[in-house]
C-alpha cells in the first residue's frame, strides 16, 4: 500500500497531522492492510481521483470526535439565541431607525 499524497487531519489532541491516503480501489482490494494502517496511525484518507472522499478512523479518534459534539451544540444554541434576538421586532425597529438616520444624514 503506497501513499499517493498526504491529507491534513486534526487529531483528538487538536494537533494538525498528515494522514496516509489510499485510493478507493486499494481500500476495496486491501481493506485489511488499510485498516491496520488506520489502527496504527489513527486515520487513513480514502481518495477517488486523488481527491479525499472518506476517512477511516480508529475507534479512539472516532470517540474523541463524537465527544466534541457537546461544545458544538452549546455554540449552536448560543448562535440560535443571538439570531432569534436579531429577529425580534425591537431589534428590527432599531435597525430601521439606524439606517433611516443614516439615509437622512446622507440627504442632508
PDB file of N, CA and C in Angstrom:
ATOM      1  N   UNK A   1       0.855  -1.164   0.000  1.00  0.00           N
ATOM      2  CA  UNK A   1       0.000   0.000   0.000  1.00  0.00           C
ATOM      3  C   UNK A   1       0.904   1.231   0.000  1.00  0.00           C
ATOM      4  N   UNK A   2       0.938   1.936  -1.105  1.00  0.00           N
ATOM      5  CA  UNK A   2       1.803   3.101  -1.180  1.00  0.00           C
ATOM      6  C   UNK A   2       0.973   4.377  -1.141  1.00  0.00           C
ATOM      7  N   UNK A   3       1.330   5.307  -0.248  1.00  0.00           N
ATOM      8  CA  UNK A   3       0.563   6.533  -0.147  1.00  0.00           C
ATOM      9  C   UNK A   3       0.718   7.385  -1.400  1.00  0.00           C
ATOM     10  N   UNK A   4      -0.360   8.002  -1.834  1.00  0.00           N
ATOM     11  CA  UNK A   4      -0.314   8.851  -3.022  1.00  0.00           C
ATOM     12  C   UNK A   4       0.048  10.273  -2.639  1.00  0.00           C
ATOM     13  N   UNK A   5      -0.546  10.775  -1.558  1.00  0.00           N
ATOM     14  CA  UNK A   5      -0.229  12.100  -1.062  1.00  0.00           C
ATOM     15  C   UNK A   5      -0.712  12.190   0.374  1.00  0.00           C
ATOM     16  N   UNK A   6      -0.417  13.269   1.025  1.00  0.00           N
ATOM     17  CA  UNK A   6      -0.813  13.437   2.415  1.00  0.00           C
ATOM     18  C   UNK A   6      -2.007  14.382   2.502  1.00  0.00           C
ATOM     19  N   UNK A   7      -2.882  14.115   3.460  1.00  0.00           N
ATOM     20  CA  UNK A   7      -4.024  14.952   3.761  1.00  0.00           C
ATOM     21  C   UNK A   7      -3.916  15.336   5.220  1.00  0.00           C
ATOM     22  N   UNK A   8      -4.172  16.608   5.536  1.00  0.00           N
ATOM     23  CA  UNK A   8      -4.105  17.063   6.926  1.00  0.00           C
ATOM     24  C   UNK A   8      -5.379  16.695   7.664  1.00  0.00           C
ATOM     25  N   UNK A   9      -5.222  16.458   8.943  1.00  0.00           N
ATOM     26  CA  UNK A   9      -6.305  15.990   9.798  1.00  0.00           C
ATOM     27  C   UNK A   9      -6.019  16.488  11.201  1.00  0.00           C
ATOM     28  N   UNK A  10      -7.024  17.004  11.914  1.00  0.00           N
ATOM     29  CA  UNK A  10      -6.832  17.436  13.300  1.00  0.00           C
ATOM     30  C   UNK A  10      -7.189  16.262  14.206  1.00  0.00           C
ATOM     31  N   UNK A  11      -6.202  15.754  14.942  1.00  0.00           N
ATOM     32  CA  UNK A  11      -6.427  14.564  15.777  1.00  0.00           C
ATOM     33  C   UNK A  11      -7.118  14.930  17.085  1.00  0.00           C
ATOM     34  N   UNK A  12      -7.327  13.944  17.939  1.00  0.00           N
ATOM     35  CA  UNK A  12      -8.079  14.148  19.182  1.00  0.00           C
ATOM     36  C   UNK A  12      -7.376  15.093  20.145  1.00  0.00           C
ATOM     37  N   UNK A  13      -6.108  15.361  19.940  1.00  0.00           N
ATOM     38  CA  UNK A  13      -5.362  16.278  20.788  1.00  0.00           C
ATOM     39  C   UNK A  13      -5.349  17.691  20.209  1.00  0.00           C
ATOM     40  N   UNK A  14      -6.044  17.868  19.081  1.00  0.00           N
ATOM     41  CA  UNK A  14      -6.098  19.169  18.433  1.00  0.00           C
ATOM     42  C   UNK A  14      -4.893  19.471  17.568  1.00  0.00           C
ATOM     43  N   UNK A  15      -4.046  18.481  17.361  1.00  0.00           N
ATOM     44  CA  UNK A  15      -2.840  18.670  16.558  1.00  0.00           C
ATOM     45  C   UNK A  15      -3.150  18.409  15.090  1.00  0.00           C
ATOM     46  N   UNK A  16      -2.610  19.242  14.226  1.00  0.00           N
ATOM     47  CA  UNK A  16      -2.749  19.041  12.782  1.00  0.00           C
ATOM     48  C   UNK A  16      -1.713  18.002  12.364  1.00  0.00           C
ATOM     49  N   UNK A  17      -2.175  16.879  11.843  1.00  0.00           N
ATOM     50  CA  UNK A  17      -1.277  15.806  11.428  1.00  0.00           C
ATOM     51  C   UNK A  17      -1.597  15.405   9.993  1.00  0.00           C
ATOM     52  N   UNK A  18      -0.607  14.876   9.329  1.00  0.00           N
ATOM     53  CA  UNK A  18      -0.818  14.345   7.989  1.00  0.00           C
ATOM     54  C   UNK A  18      -1.209  12.892   8.106  1.00  0.00           C
ATOM     55  N   UNK A  19      -2.178  12.468   7.304  1.00  0.00           N
ATOM     56  CA  UNK A  19      -2.581  11.068   7.294  1.00  0.00           C
ATOM     57  C   UNK A  19      -2.308  10.487   5.924  1.00  0.00           C
ATOM     58  N   UNK A  20      -2.079   9.216   5.922  1.00  0.00           N
ATOM     59  CA  UNK A  20      -1.839   8.486   4.685  1.00  0.00           C
ATOM     60  C   UNK A  20      -3.111   8.482   3.832  1.00  0.00           C
ATOM     61  N   UNK A  21      -2.933   8.496   2.527  1.00  0.00           N
ATOM     62  CA  UNK A  21      -4.074   8.371   1.630  1.00  0.00           C
ATOM     63  C   UNK A  21      -3.936   7.097   0.816  1.00  0.00           C
ATOM     64  N   UNK A  22      -5.066   6.490   0.531  1.00  0.00           N
ATOM     65  CA  UNK A  22      -5.106   5.326  -0.354  1.00  0.00           C
ATOM     66  C   UNK A  22      -6.272   5.522  -1.304  1.00  0.00           C
ATOM     67  N   UNK A  23      -6.155   4.943  -2.469  1.00  0.00           N
ATOM     68  CA  UNK A  23      -7.248   5.040  -3.434  1.00  0.00           C
ATOM     69  C   UNK A  23      -8.413   4.172  -2.989  1.00  0.00           C
ATOM     70  N   UNK A  24      -9.593   4.488  -3.495  1.00  0.00           N
ATOM     71  CA  UNK A  24     -10.773   3.690  -3.182  1.00  0.00           C
ATOM     72  C   UNK A  24     -10.573   2.245  -3.627  1.00  0.00           C
ATOM     73  N   UNK A  25      -9.912   2.043  -4.749  1.00  0.00           N
ATOM     74  CA  UNK A  25      -9.652   0.692  -5.244  1.00  0.00           C
ATOM     75  C   UNK A  25      -8.779  -0.074  -4.260  1.00  0.00           C
ATOM     76  N   UNK A  26      -7.732   0.582  -3.760  1.00  0.00           N
ATOM     77  CA  UNK A  26      -6.864  -0.074  -2.776  1.00  0.00           C
ATOM     78  C   UNK A  26      -7.648  -0.379  -1.505  1.00  0.00           C
ATOM     79  N   UNK A  27      -8.492   0.560  -1.081  1.00  0.00           N
ATOM     80  CA  UNK A  27      -9.298   0.337   0.126  1.00  0.00           C
ATOM     81  C   UNK A  27     -10.191  -0.881  -0.048  1.00  0.00           C
ATOM     82  N   UNK A  28     -10.762  -1.057  -1.248  1.00  0.00           N
ATOM     83  CA  UNK A  28     -11.625  -2.224  -1.505  1.00  0.00           C
ATOM     84  C   UNK A  28     -10.813  -3.514  -1.543  1.00  0.00           C
ATOM     85  N   UNK A  29      -9.711  -3.476  -2.268  1.00  0.00           N
ATOM     86  CA  UNK A  29      -8.941  -4.699  -2.509  1.00  0.00           C
ATOM     87  C   UNK A  29      -8.033  -5.094  -1.356  1.00  0.00           C
ATOM     88  N   UNK A  30      -7.637  -4.153  -0.532  1.00  0.00           N
ATOM     89  CA  UNK A  30      -6.687  -4.430   0.548  1.00  0.00           C
ATOM     90  C   UNK A  30      -7.202  -3.871   1.870  1.00  0.00           C
ATOM     91  N   UNK A  31      -8.481  -4.098   2.157  1.00  0.00           N
ATOM     92  CA  UNK A  31      -9.090  -3.494   3.340  1.00  0.00           C
ATOM     93  C   UNK A  31      -8.342  -3.833   4.627  1.00  0.00           C
ATOM     94  N   UNK A  32      -7.900  -5.050   4.780  1.00  0.00           N
ATOM     95  CA  UNK A  32      -7.177  -5.451   5.990  1.00  0.00           C
ATOM     96  C   UNK A  32      -5.939  -4.602   6.207  1.00  0.00           C
ATOM     97  N   UNK A  33      -5.182  -4.361   5.164  1.00  0.00           N
ATOM     98  CA  UNK A  33      -3.967  -3.551   5.282  1.00  0.00           C
ATOM     99  C   UNK A  33      -4.311  -2.089   5.559  1.00  0.00           C
ATOM    100  N   UNK A  34      -5.380  -1.582   4.924  1.00  0.00           N
ATOM    101  CA  UNK A  34      -5.804  -0.200   5.155  1.00  0.00           C
ATOM    102  C   UNK A  34      -6.273  -0.039   6.598  1.00  0.00           C
ATOM    103  N   UNK A  35      -7.027  -1.021   7.090  1.00  0.00           N
ATOM    104  CA  UNK A  35      -7.493  -0.993   8.478  1.00  0.00           C
ATOM    105  C   UNK A  35      -6.308  -1.021   9.442  1.00  0.00           C
ATOM    106  N   UNK A  36      -5.342  -1.860   9.191  1.00  0.00           N
ATOM    107  CA  UNK A  36      -4.149  -1.914  10.041  1.00  0.00           C
ATOM    108  C   UNK A  36      -3.448  -0.560  10.079  1.00  0.00           C
ATOM    109  N   UNK A  37      -3.386   0.108   8.940  1.00  0.00           N
ATOM    110  CA  UNK A  37      -2.754   1.420   8.879  1.00  0.00           C
ATOM    111  C   UNK A  37      -3.543   2.444   9.689  1.00  0.00           C
ATOM    112  N   UNK A  38      -4.873   2.412   9.586  1.00  0.00           N
ATOM    113  CA  UNK A  38      -5.715   3.330  10.368  1.00  0.00           C
ATOM    114  C   UNK A  38      -5.537   3.077  11.861  1.00  0.00           C
ATOM    115  N   UNK A  39      -5.473   1.803  12.251  1.00  0.00           N
ATOM    116  CA  UNK A  39      -5.284   1.471  13.661  1.00  0.00           C
ATOM    117  C   UNK A  39      -3.917   1.926  14.159  1.00  0.00           C
ATOM    118  N   UNK A  40      -2.919   1.855  13.313  1.00  0.00           N
ATOM    119  CA  UNK A  40      -1.568   2.250  13.709  1.00  0.00           C
ATOM    120  C   UNK A  40      -1.387   3.763  13.743  1.00  0.00           C
ATOM    121  N   UNK A  41      -2.065   4.475  12.847  1.00  0.00           N
ATOM    122  CA  UNK A  41      -1.826   5.916  12.707  1.00  0.00           C
ATOM    123  C   UNK A  41      -3.019   6.786  13.101  1.00  0.00           C
ATOM    124  N   UNK A  42      -4.146   6.192  13.420  1.00  0.00           N
ATOM    125  CA  UNK A  42      -5.305   6.970  13.828  1.00  0.00           C
ATOM    126  C   UNK A  42      -6.312   7.215  12.719  1.00  0.00           C
ATOM    127  N   UNK A  43      -5.831   7.338  11.481  1.00  0.00           N
ATOM    128  CA  UNK A  43      -6.738   7.614  10.365  1.00  0.00           C
ATOM    129  C   UNK A  43      -6.046   7.346   9.039  1.00  0.00           C
ATOM    130  N   UNK A  44      -6.856   7.047   8.039  1.00  0.00           N
ATOM    131  CA  UNK A  44      -6.399   6.917   6.654  1.00  0.00           C
ATOM    132  C   UNK A  44      -7.448   7.603   5.791  1.00  0.00           C
ATOM    133  N   UNK A  45      -7.013   8.457   4.893  1.00  0.00           N
ATOM    134  CA  UNK A  45      -7.934   9.110   3.962  1.00  0.00           C
ATOM    135  C   UNK A  45      -8.063   8.248   2.713  1.00  0.00           C
ATOM    136  N   UNK A  46      -9.282   8.029   2.272  1.00  0.00           N
ATOM    137  CA  UNK A  46      -9.543   7.254   1.062  1.00  0.00           C
ATOM    138  C   UNK A  46      -9.887   8.242  -0.042  1.00  0.00           C
ATOM    139  N   UNK A  47      -9.175   8.122  -1.151  1.00  0.00           N
ATOM    140  CA  UNK A  47      -9.337   9.093  -2.235  1.00  0.00           C
ATOM    141  C   UNK A  47      -9.999   8.469  -3.455  1.00  0.00           C
ATOM    142  N   UNK A  48     -10.572   9.337  -4.235  1.00  0.00           N
ATOM    143  CA  UNK A  48     -11.093   8.944  -5.542  1.00  0.00           C
ATOM    144  C   UNK A  48     -10.653  10.035  -6.500  1.00  0.00           C
ATOM    145  N   UNK A  49      -9.927   9.659  -7.528  1.00  0.00           N
ATOM    146  CA  UNK A  49      -9.341  10.611  -8.474  1.00  0.00           C
ATOM    147  C   UNK A  49      -8.502  11.651  -7.735  1.00  0.00           C
ATOM    148  N   UNK A  50      -7.704  11.177  -6.775  1.00  0.00           N
ATOM    149  CA  UNK A  50      -6.782  11.989  -5.974  1.00  0.00           C
ATOM    150  C   UNK A  50      -7.457  13.009  -5.068  1.00  0.00           C
ATOM    151  N   UNK A  51      -8.770  12.967  -4.927  1.00  0.00           N
ATOM    152  CA  UNK A  51      -9.477  13.868  -4.015  1.00  0.00           C
ATOM    153  C   UNK A  51      -9.978  13.058  -2.814  1.00  0.00           C
ATOM    154  N   UNK A  52      -9.735  13.540  -1.589  1.00  0.00           N
ATOM    155  CA  UNK A  52     -10.226  12.808  -0.411  1.00  0.00           C
ATOM    156  C   UNK A  52     -11.745  12.674  -0.459  1.00  0.00           C
ATOM    157  N   UNK A  53     -12.240  11.452  -0.256  1.00  0.00           N
ATOM    158  CA  UNK A  53     -13.682  11.193  -0.296  1.00  0.00           C
ATOM    159  C   UNK A  53     -14.204  10.607   1.004  1.00  0.00           C
ATOM    160  N   UNK A  54     -13.321   9.988   1.789  1.00  0.00           N
ATOM    161  CA  UNK A  54     -13.737   9.369   3.051  1.00  0.00           C
ATOM    162  C   UNK A  54     -12.512   9.255   3.946  1.00  0.00           C
ATOM    163  N   UNK A  55     -12.778   9.065   5.236  1.00  0.00           N
ATOM    164  CA  UNK A  55     -11.694   8.866   6.203  1.00  0.00           C
ATOM    165  C   UNK A  55     -12.046   7.657   7.053  1.00  0.00           C
ATOM    166  N   UNK A  56     -11.109   6.761   7.193  1.00  0.00           N
ATOM    167  CA  UNK A  56     -11.261   5.597   8.059  1.00  0.00           C
ATOM    168  C   UNK A  56     -10.522   5.924   9.351  1.00  0.00           C
ATOM    169  N   UNK A  57     -11.272   5.979  10.465  1.00  0.00           N
ATOM    170  CA  UNK A  57     -10.702   6.341  11.769  1.00  0.00           C
ATOM    171  C   UNK A  57     -10.619   5.138  12.684  1.00  0.00           C
ATOM    172  N   UNK A  58      -9.604   5.141  13.547  1.00  0.00           N
ATOM    173  CA  UNK A  58      -9.624   4.133  14.602  1.00  0.00           C
ATOM    174  C   UNK A  58     -10.658   4.573  15.633  1.00  0.00           C
ATOM    175  N   UNK A  59     -11.058   3.677  16.511  1.00  0.00           N
ATOM    176  CA  UNK A  59     -12.165   3.951  17.435  1.00  0.00           C
ATOM    177  C   UNK A  59     -11.823   5.080  18.402  1.00  0.00           C
ATOM    178  N   UNK A  60     -10.578   5.219  18.810  1.00  0.00           N
ATOM    179  CA  UNK A  60     -10.206   6.295  19.733  1.00  0.00           C
ATOM    180  C   UNK A  60     -10.394   7.666  19.085  1.00  0.00           C
ATOM    181  N   UNK A  61     -10.000   7.799  17.824  1.00  0.00           N
ATOM    182  CA  UNK A  61     -10.193   9.064  17.110  1.00  0.00           C
ATOM    183  C   UNK A  61     -11.686   9.337  16.919  1.00  0.00           C
ATOM    184  N   UNK A  62     -12.440   8.302  16.578  1.00  0.00           N
ATOM    185  CA  UNK A  62     -13.881   8.450  16.397  1.00  0.00           C
ATOM    186  C   UNK A  62     -14.545   8.903  17.696  1.00  0.00           C
ATOM    187  N   UNK A  63     -14.233   8.233  18.808  1.00  0.00           N
ATOM    188  CA  UNK A  63     -14.824   8.587  20.098  1.00  0.00           C
ATOM    189  C   UNK A  63     -14.492  10.027  20.473  1.00  0.00           C
ATOM    190  N   UNK A  64     -13.250  10.448  20.220  1.00  0.00           N
ATOM    191  CA  UNK A  64     -12.855  11.823  20.533  1.00  0.00           C
ATOM    192  C   UNK A  64     -13.630  12.817  19.676  1.00  0.00           C
ATOM    193  N   UNK A  65     -13.850  12.482  18.433  1.00  0.00           N
ATOM    194  CA  UNK A  65     -14.601  13.357  17.536  1.00  0.00           C
ATOM    195  C   UNK A  65     -16.052  13.472  17.984  1.00  0.00           C
ATOM    196  N   UNK A  66     -16.656  12.367  18.344  1.00  0.00           N
ATOM    197  CA  UNK A  66     -18.040  12.370  18.808  1.00  0.00           C
ATOM    198  C   UNK A  66     -18.164  13.132  20.127  1.00  0.00           C
ATOM    199  N   UNK A  67     -17.170  13.033  20.988  1.00  0.00           N
ATOM    200  CA  UNK A  67     -17.208  13.727  22.271  1.00  0.00           C
ATOM    201  C   UNK A  67     -17.183  15.241  22.095  1.00  0.00           C
ATOM    202  N   UNK A  68     -16.693  15.728  20.969  1.00  0.00           N
ATOM    203  CA  UNK A  68     -16.645  17.164  20.709  1.00  0.00           C
ATOM    204  C   UNK A  68     -18.001  17.725  20.316  1.00  0.00           C
ATOM    205  N   UNK A  69     -18.998  16.881  20.190  1.00  0.00           N
ATOM    206  CA  UNK A  69     -20.331  17.314  19.775  1.00  0.00           C
ATOM    207  C   UNK A  69     -20.963  18.261  20.790  1.00  0.00           C
ATOM    208  N   UNK A  70     -20.773  18.012  22.075  1.00  0.00           N
ATOM    209  CA  UNK A  70     -21.408  18.828  23.118  1.00  0.00           C
ATOM    210  C   UNK A  70     -21.008  20.307  23.018  1.00  0.00           C
ATOM    211  N   UNK A  71     -19.721  20.647  22.894  1.00  0.00           N
ATOM    212  CA  UNK A  71     -19.375  22.071  22.759  1.00  0.00           C
ATOM    213  C   UNK A  71     -19.991  22.699  21.504  1.00  0.00           C
ATOM    214  N   UNK A  72     -20.065  21.936  20.429  1.00  0.00           N
ATOM    215  CA  UNK A  72     -20.668  22.461  19.209  1.00  0.00           C
ATOM    216  C   UNK A  72     -22.160  22.700  19.394  1.00  0.00           C
ATOM    217  N   UNK A  73     -22.814  21.823  20.132  1.00  0.00           N
ATOM    218  CA  UNK A  73     -24.239  22.017  20.396  1.00  0.00           C
ATOM    219  C   UNK A  73     -24.471  23.267  21.239  1.00  0.00           C
ATOM    220  N   UNK A  74     -23.578  23.529  22.203  1.00  0.00           N
ATOM    221  CA  UNK A  74     -23.714  24.753  23.011  1.00  0.00           C
ATOM    222  C   UNK A  74     -23.527  25.991  22.144  1.00  0.00           C
ATOM    223  N   UNK A  75     -22.543  25.969  21.260  1.00  0.00           N
ATOM    224  CA  UNK A  75     -22.321  27.103  20.369  1.00  0.00           C
ATOM    225  C   UNK A  75     -23.501  27.295  19.419  1.00  0.00           C
ATOM    226  N   UNK A  76     -24.067  26.208  18.946  1.00  0.00           N
ATOM    227  CA  UNK A  76     -25.230  26.294  18.068  1.00  0.00           C
ATOM    228  C   UNK A  76     -26.402  26.925  18.803  1.00  0.00           C
ATOM    229  N   UNK A  77     -26.630  26.519  20.036  1.00  0.00           N
ATOM    230  CA  UNK A  77     -27.721  27.097  20.823  1.00  0.00           C
ATOM    231  C   UNK A  77     -27.490  28.583  21.063  1.00  0.00           C
ATOM    232  N   UNK A  78     -26.254  28.963  21.349  1.00  0.00           N
ATOM    233  CA  UNK A  78     -25.936  30.379  21.569  1.00  0.00           C
ATOM    234  C   UNK A  78     -26.162  31.183  20.290  1.00  0.00           C
ATOM    235  N   UNK A  79     -25.719  30.649  19.159  1.00  0.00           N
ATOM    236  CA  UNK A  79     -25.917  31.318  17.870  1.00  0.00           C
ATOM    237  C   UNK A  79     -27.405  31.476  17.573  1.00  0.00           C
ATOM    238  N   UNK A  80     -28.175  30.400  17.790  1.00  0.00           N
ATOM    239  CA  UNK A  80     -29.616  30.456  17.538  1.00  0.00           C
ATOM    240  C   UNK A  80     -30.288  31.512  18.408  1.00  0.00           C
ATOM    241  N   UNK A  81     -29.867  31.620  19.669  1.00  0.00           N
ATOM    242  CA  UNK A  81     -30.444  32.626  20.565  1.00  0.00           C
ATOM    243  C   UNK A  81     -30.110  34.036  20.086  1.00  0.00           C
ATOM    244  N   UNK A  82     -28.867  34.244  19.655  1.00  0.00           N
ATOM    245  CA  UNK A  82     -28.484  35.555  19.121  1.00  0.00           C
ATOM    246  C   UNK A  82     -29.284  35.895  17.868  1.00  0.00           C
ATOM    247  N   UNK A  83     -29.433  34.916  16.996  1.00  0.00           N
ATOM    248  CA  UNK A  83     -30.199  35.127  15.767  1.00  0.00           C
ATOM    249  C   UNK A  83     -31.655  35.437  16.083  1.00  0.00           C
ATOM    250  N   UNK A  84     -32.244  34.715  17.029  1.00  0.00           N
ATOM    251  CA  UNK A  84     -33.622  34.999  17.437  1.00  0.00           C
ATOM    252  C   UNK A  84     -33.744  36.423  17.964  1.00  0.00           C
ATOM    253  N   UNK A  85     -32.754  36.856  18.738  1.00  0.00           N
ATOM    254  CA  UNK A  85     -32.767  38.226  19.263  1.00  0.00           C
ATOM    255  C   UNK A  85     -32.724  39.265  18.156  1.00  0.00           C
ATOM    256  N   UNK A  86     -31.960  38.980  17.104  1.00  0.00           N
ATOM    257  CA  UNK A  86     -31.876  39.919  15.985  1.00  0.00           C
ATOM    258  C   UNK A  86     -33.164  39.951  15.172  1.00  0.00           C
ATOM    259  N   UNK A  87     -33.967  38.908  15.288  1.00  0.00           N
ATOM    260  CA  UNK A  87     -35.225  38.839  14.547  1.00  0.00           C
ATOM    261  C   UNK A  87     -36.397  39.438  15.338  1.00  0.00           C
ATOM    262  N   UNK A  88     -36.167  39.801  16.584  1.00  0.00           N
ATOM    263  CA  UNK A  88     -37.234  40.368  17.417  1.00  0.00           C
ATOM    264  C   UNK A  88     -37.690  41.709  16.835  1.00  0.00           C
ATOM    265  N   UNK A  89     -38.954  42.047  16.997  1.00  0.00           N
ATOM    266  CA  UNK A  89     -39.467  43.314  16.461  1.00  0.00           C
ATOM    267  C   UNK A  89     -38.672  44.532  16.933  1.00  0.00           C
ATOM    268  N   UNK A  90     -38.257  44.548  18.196  1.00  0.00           N
ATOM    269  CA  UNK A  90     -37.496  45.701  18.697  1.00  0.00           C
ATOM    270  C   UNK A  90     -36.142  45.830  17.994  1.00  0.00           C
ATOM    271  N   UNK A  91     -35.510  44.703  17.707  1.00  0.00           N
ATOM    272  CA  UNK A  91     -34.221  44.732  17.008  1.00  0.00           C
ATOM    273  C   UNK A  91     -34.413  45.209  15.575  1.00  0.00           C
ATOM    274  N   UNK A  92     -35.458  44.731  14.923  1.00  0.00           N
ATOM    275  CA  UNK A  92     -35.736  45.171  13.551  1.00  0.00           C
ATOM    276  C   UNK A  92     -36.020  46.661  13.509  1.00  0.00           C
ATOM    277  N   UNK A  93     -36.782  47.159  14.495  1.00  0.00           N
ATOM    278  CA  UNK A  93     -37.090  48.588  14.552  1.00  0.00           C
ATOM    279  C   UNK A  93     -35.818  49.402  14.761  1.00  0.00           C
ATOM    280  N   UNK A  94     -34.925  48.896  15.597  1.00  0.00           N
ATOM    281  CA  UNK A  94     -33.654  49.579  15.829  1.00  0.00           C
ATOM    282  C   UNK A  94     -32.819  49.671  14.563  1.00  0.00           C
ATOM    283  N   UNK A  95     -32.787  48.610  13.787  1.00  0.00           N
ATOM    284  CA  UNK A  95     -32.031  48.618  12.530  1.00  0.00           C
ATOM    285  C   UNK A  95     -32.655  49.615  11.558  1.00  0.00           C
ATOM    286  N   UNK A  96     -33.994  49.610  11.468  1.00  0.00           N
ATOM    287  CA  UNK A  96     -34.660  50.570  10.564  1.00  0.00           C
ATOM    288  C   UNK A  96     -34.370  52.004  10.998  1.00  0.00           C
ATOM    289  N   UNK A  97     -34.389  52.249  12.287  1.00  0.00           N
ATOM    290  CA  UNK A  97     -34.112  53.596  12.792  1.00  0.00           C
ATOM    291  C   UNK A  97     -32.677  54.002  12.477  1.00  0.00           C
ATOM    292  N   UNK A  98     -31.749  53.088  12.677  1.00  0.00           N
ATOM    293  CA  UNK A  98     -30.346  53.395  12.410  1.00  0.00           C
ATOM    294  C   UNK A  98     -30.118  53.683  10.935  1.00  0.00           C
ATOM    295  N   UNK A  99     -30.674  52.863  10.050  1.00  0.00           N
ATOM    296  CA  UNK A  99     -30.498  53.093   8.626  1.00  0.00           C
ATOM    297  C   UNK A  99     -31.283  54.316   8.171  1.00  0.00           C
ATOM    298  N   UNK A 100     -32.409  54.578   8.810  1.00  0.00           N
ATOM    299  CA  UNK A 100     -33.168  55.789   8.485  1.00  0.00           C
ATOM    300  C   UNK A 100     -32.370  57.026   8.832  1.00  0.00           C
ATOM    301  N   UNK A 101     -31.721  57.030   9.988  1.00  0.00           N
ATOM    302  CA  UNK A 101     -30.899  58.171  10.394  1.00  0.00           C
ATOM    303  C   UNK A 101     -29.721  58.338   9.442  1.00  0.00           C
ATOM    304  N   UNK A 102     -29.144  57.242   8.999  1.00  0.00           N
ATOM    305  CA  UNK A 102     -28.030  57.296   8.061  1.00  0.00           C
ATOM    306  C   UNK A 102     -28.484  57.879   6.730  1.00  0.00           C
ATOM    307  N   UNK A 103     -29.656  57.457   6.260  1.00  0.00           N
ATOM    308  CA  UNK A 103     -30.185  57.957   4.993  1.00  0.00           C
ATOM    309  C   UNK A 103     -30.473  59.465   5.085  1.00  0.00           C
ATOM    310  N   UNK A 104     -31.027  59.902   6.211  1.00  0.00           N
ATOM    311  CA  UNK A 104     -31.317  61.343   6.411  1.00  0.00           C
ATOM    312  C   UNK A 104     -30.017  62.141   6.413  1.00  0.00           C
ATOM    313  N   UNK A 105     -28.987  61.581   7.047  1.00  0.00           N
ATOM    314  CA  UNK A 105     -27.703  62.277   7.130  1.00  0.00           C
ATOM    315  C   UNK A 105     -27.097  62.444   5.739  1.00  0.00           C
ATOM    316  N   UNK A 106     -27.228  61.415   4.877  1.00  0.00           N
ATOM    317  CA  UNK A 106     -26.682  61.494   3.517  1.00  0.00           C
ATOM    318  C   UNK A 106     -27.437  62.512   2.683  1.00  0.00           C
ATOM    319  N   UNK A 107     -28.751  62.606   2.883  1.00  0.00           N
ATOM    320  CA  UNK A 107     -29.561  63.560   2.114  1.00  0.00           C
ATOM    321  C   UNK A 107     -29.303  64.991   2.575  1.00  0.00           C
ATOM    322  N   UNK A 108     -29.080  65.147   3.843  1.00  0.00           N
ATOM    323  CA  UNK A 108     -28.994  66.483   4.435  1.00  0.00           C
ATOM    324  C   UNK A 108     -27.695  67.122   4.230  1.00  0.00           C
TER     325      UNK A 108
END
